[in-house]
């Protein structure tokens, strides 16, 4: 009886940990150090699996910019996207399809849009099956780069 109870308990623990482990494997993180500051984006990595992004979204719709838990931007320095100041802190990132090949990056805090940043659209050199976000050094600031399927969308930002 003890072996049976132990087996059931063990199986319960494995089953409760397994979804968390699988979800963690489905996450990506991009980080960038700017001077003494750090900027990072944590995001889910859904796969296209033969789908087309434009069949999933219609103009005017927001996209979670990943899967499972929200995509987050965490910065311990103030940033400037275009003319908009984004103070250090933690934000939720979403994307909005304005029209085909025209996207906005929405930077939100507690359901309030802090910034709507135009994203530069381009065709990718090679397709990316899973959502991939990169943060790259760009002059005295950085570049946010999103790729999924055959498109890329990007914007530059500066440290303040």
Protein backbone atom coordinates (compact mmCIF):
# COMPACT_ATOMS: atom_id res chain seq x y z
CA UNK A 1 0.00 0.00 0.00
CA UNK A 2 2.87 2.37 0.84
CA UNK A 3 4.42 1.72 -2.60
CA UNK A 4 1.11 2.51 -4.29
CA UNK A 5 0.68 5.76 -2.33
CA UNK A 6 4.27 6.74 -3.04
CA UNK A 7 3.75 5.99 -6.74
CA UNK A 8 0.61 8.13 -6.89
CA UNK A 9 2.32 10.97 -5.01
CA UNK A 10 5.36 10.79 -7.31
CA UNK A 11 3.17 10.81 -10.42
CA UNK A 12 1.23 13.81 -9.08
CA UNK A 13 4.45 15.76 -8.49
CA UNK A 14 5.79 14.92 -11.96
CA UNK A 15 2.51 15.93 -13.62
CA UNK A 16 2.34 19.23 -11.73
CA UNK A 17 5.92 20.16 -12.64
CA UNK A 18 5.82 18.97 -16.25
CA UNK A 19 3.62 21.76 -17.71
CA UNK A 20 5.82 24.41 -16.06
CA UNK A 21 8.95 22.77 -17.47
CA UNK A 22 7.47 22.55 -20.95
CA UNK A 23 6.31 26.17 -20.80
CA UNK A 24 9.80 27.29 -19.72
CA UNK A 25 11.28 25.54 -22.77
CA UNK A 26 8.84 27.49 -24.95
CA UNK A 27 10.18 30.84 -23.67
CA UNK A 28 12.86 33.05 -25.13
CA UNK A 29 14.81 35.94 -23.67
CA UNK A 30 16.70 38.74 -25.35
CA UNK A 31 19.03 40.94 -23.29
CA UNK A 32 21.16 43.97 -23.98
CA UNK A 33 23.56 45.87 -21.75
CA UNK A 34 23.68 49.63 -22.36
CA UNK A 35 26.36 51.27 -20.22
CA UNK A 36 25.56 50.28 -16.63
CA UNK A 37 21.97 49.39 -17.53
CA UNK A 38 20.26 46.24 -18.71
CA UNK A 39 17.26 45.82 -21.01
CA UNK A 40 15.57 42.44 -21.44
CA UNK A 41 12.55 40.98 -23.19
CA UNK A 42 10.97 37.69 -22.04
CA UNK A 43 8.58 36.12 -24.54
CA UNK A 44 6.77 32.97 -25.63
CA UNK A 45 7.87 31.26 -28.84
CA UNK A 46 4.89 29.90 -30.77
CA UNK A 47 5.54 28.06 -34.04
CA UNK A 48 3.85 28.92 -37.32
CA UNK A 49 3.18 25.27 -38.21
CA UNK A 50 2.28 26.19 -41.77
CA UNK A 51 0.05 29.12 -40.79
CA UNK A 52 0.31 32.64 -42.19
CA UNK A 53 0.41 35.53 -39.67
CA UNK A 54 -1.98 37.54 -41.84
CA UNK A 55 -4.58 34.76 -41.74
CA UNK A 56 -4.42 34.90 -37.92
CA UNK A 57 -4.79 38.68 -37.53
CA UNK A 58 -6.90 41.33 -39.16
CA UNK A 59 -6.03 45.06 -39.39
CA UNK A 60 -6.77 46.82 -36.10
CA UNK A 61 -6.15 43.72 -33.98
CA UNK A 62 -3.54 43.44 -31.26
CA UNK A 63 -1.25 40.44 -31.04
CA UNK A 64 0.16 39.07 -27.79
CA UNK A 65 3.63 39.10 -29.39
CA UNK A 66 4.30 35.54 -28.28
CA UNK A 67 2.46 32.81 -26.42
CA UNK A 68 1.51 31.71 -22.90
CA UNK A 69 2.64 34.33 -20.34
CA UNK A 70 2.73 37.95 -21.61
CA UNK A 71 5.79 39.26 -23.41
CA UNK A 72 7.56 41.62 -21.04
CA UNK A 73 10.14 44.36 -21.36
CA UNK A 74 12.21 44.97 -18.24
CA UNK A 75 14.63 47.88 -18.12
CA UNK A 76 16.65 49.31 -15.27
CA UNK A 77 17.39 52.48 -17.28
CA UNK A 78 15.13 55.03 -18.97
CA UNK A 79 14.70 54.49 -22.71
CA UNK A 80 13.48 56.63 -25.56
CA UNK A 81 11.56 55.12 -28.49
CA UNK A 82 11.30 57.91 -31.06
CA UNK A 83 10.06 60.91 -29.07
CA UNK A 84 8.48 58.80 -26.32
CA UNK A 85 10.16 58.30 -22.95
CA UNK A 86 9.79 54.86 -21.36
CA UNK A 87 10.92 55.04 -17.74
CA UNK A 88 12.79 52.18 -16.11
CA UNK A 89 10.44 49.42 -15.01
CA UNK A 90 8.53 46.41 -16.29
CA UNK A 91 6.12 46.61 -19.23
CA UNK A 92 3.95 44.28 -21.31
CA UNK A 93 4.68 44.34 -25.03
CA UNK A 94 2.03 43.77 -27.69
CA UNK A 95 1.95 44.39 -31.42
CA UNK A 96 -0.87 45.93 -33.41
CA UNK A 97 -1.44 45.23 -37.08
CA UNK A 98 -2.44 48.56 -38.64
CA UNK A 99 -2.57 47.19 -42.17
CA UNK A 100 -0.59 44.60 -44.10
CA UNK A 101 3.12 45.25 -43.55
CA UNK A 102 2.42 48.11 -41.11
CA UNK A 103 2.82 47.34 -37.40
CA UNK A 104 2.96 49.20 -34.08
CA UNK A 105 4.78 48.07 -30.96
CA UNK A 106 2.55 48.76 -27.95
CA UNK A 107 4.35 49.27 -24.65
CA UNK A 108 1.85 48.89 -21.81
CA UNK A 109 1.85 49.18 -18.06
CA UNK A 110 -1.26 48.10 -16.14
CA UNK A 111 -3.41 48.13 -19.30
CA UNK A 112 -2.34 51.71 -20.10
CA UNK A 113 -0.49 52.24 -23.39
CA UNK A 114 2.72 54.07 -22.49
CA UNK A 115 4.00 54.17 -26.08
CA UNK A 116 2.86 53.27 -29.60
CA UNK A 117 6.02 52.78 -31.61
CA UNK A 118 5.99 52.32 -35.41
CA UNK A 119 7.85 49.19 -36.47
CA UNK A 120 9.90 49.07 -39.69
CA UNK A 121 8.70 46.10 -41.76
CA UNK A 122 11.00 44.02 -43.97
CA UNK A 123 11.09 40.60 -45.61
CA UNK A 124 13.35 38.15 -43.75
CA UNK A 125 16.36 36.69 -45.53
CA UNK A 126 15.23 33.24 -44.36
CA UNK A 127 12.01 32.17 -42.62
CA UNK A 128 11.87 31.72 -38.84
CA UNK A 129 9.47 28.98 -37.63
CA UNK A 130 9.26 30.26 -34.04
CA UNK A 131 8.79 33.84 -32.87
CA UNK A 132 12.25 35.26 -32.29
CA UNK A 133 12.99 38.57 -30.59
CA UNK A 134 16.48 40.06 -30.49
CA UNK A 135 17.93 43.15 -28.85
CA UNK A 136 21.00 44.43 -30.67
CA UNK A 137 23.43 47.24 -29.93
CA UNK A 138 22.74 50.22 -32.22
CA UNK A 139 24.97 53.28 -31.70
CA UNK A 140 24.42 54.56 -28.15
CA UNK A 141 21.17 52.62 -27.88
CA UNK A 142 19.63 49.45 -29.18
CA UNK A 143 17.41 47.84 -31.75
CA UNK A 144 14.33 45.72 -31.03
CA UNK A 145 13.97 43.08 -33.76
CA UNK A 146 11.03 40.67 -34.13
CA UNK A 147 11.01 37.87 -36.69
CA UNK A 148 8.34 35.28 -37.41
CA UNK A 149 7.90 33.48 -40.69
CA UNK A 150 9.06 35.63 -43.57
CA UNK A 151 8.73 39.05 -41.95
CA UNK A 152 10.77 41.16 -39.58
CA UNK A 153 9.63 44.22 -37.67
CA UNK A 154 12.05 46.47 -35.83
CA UNK A 155 12.56 49.78 -34.06
CA UNK A 156 15.48 51.59 -32.51
CA UNK A 157 15.66 53.00 -28.99
CA UNK A 158 18.13 55.07 -26.99
CA UNK A 159 19.20 55.03 -23.37
CA UNK A 160 18.48 58.25 -21.48
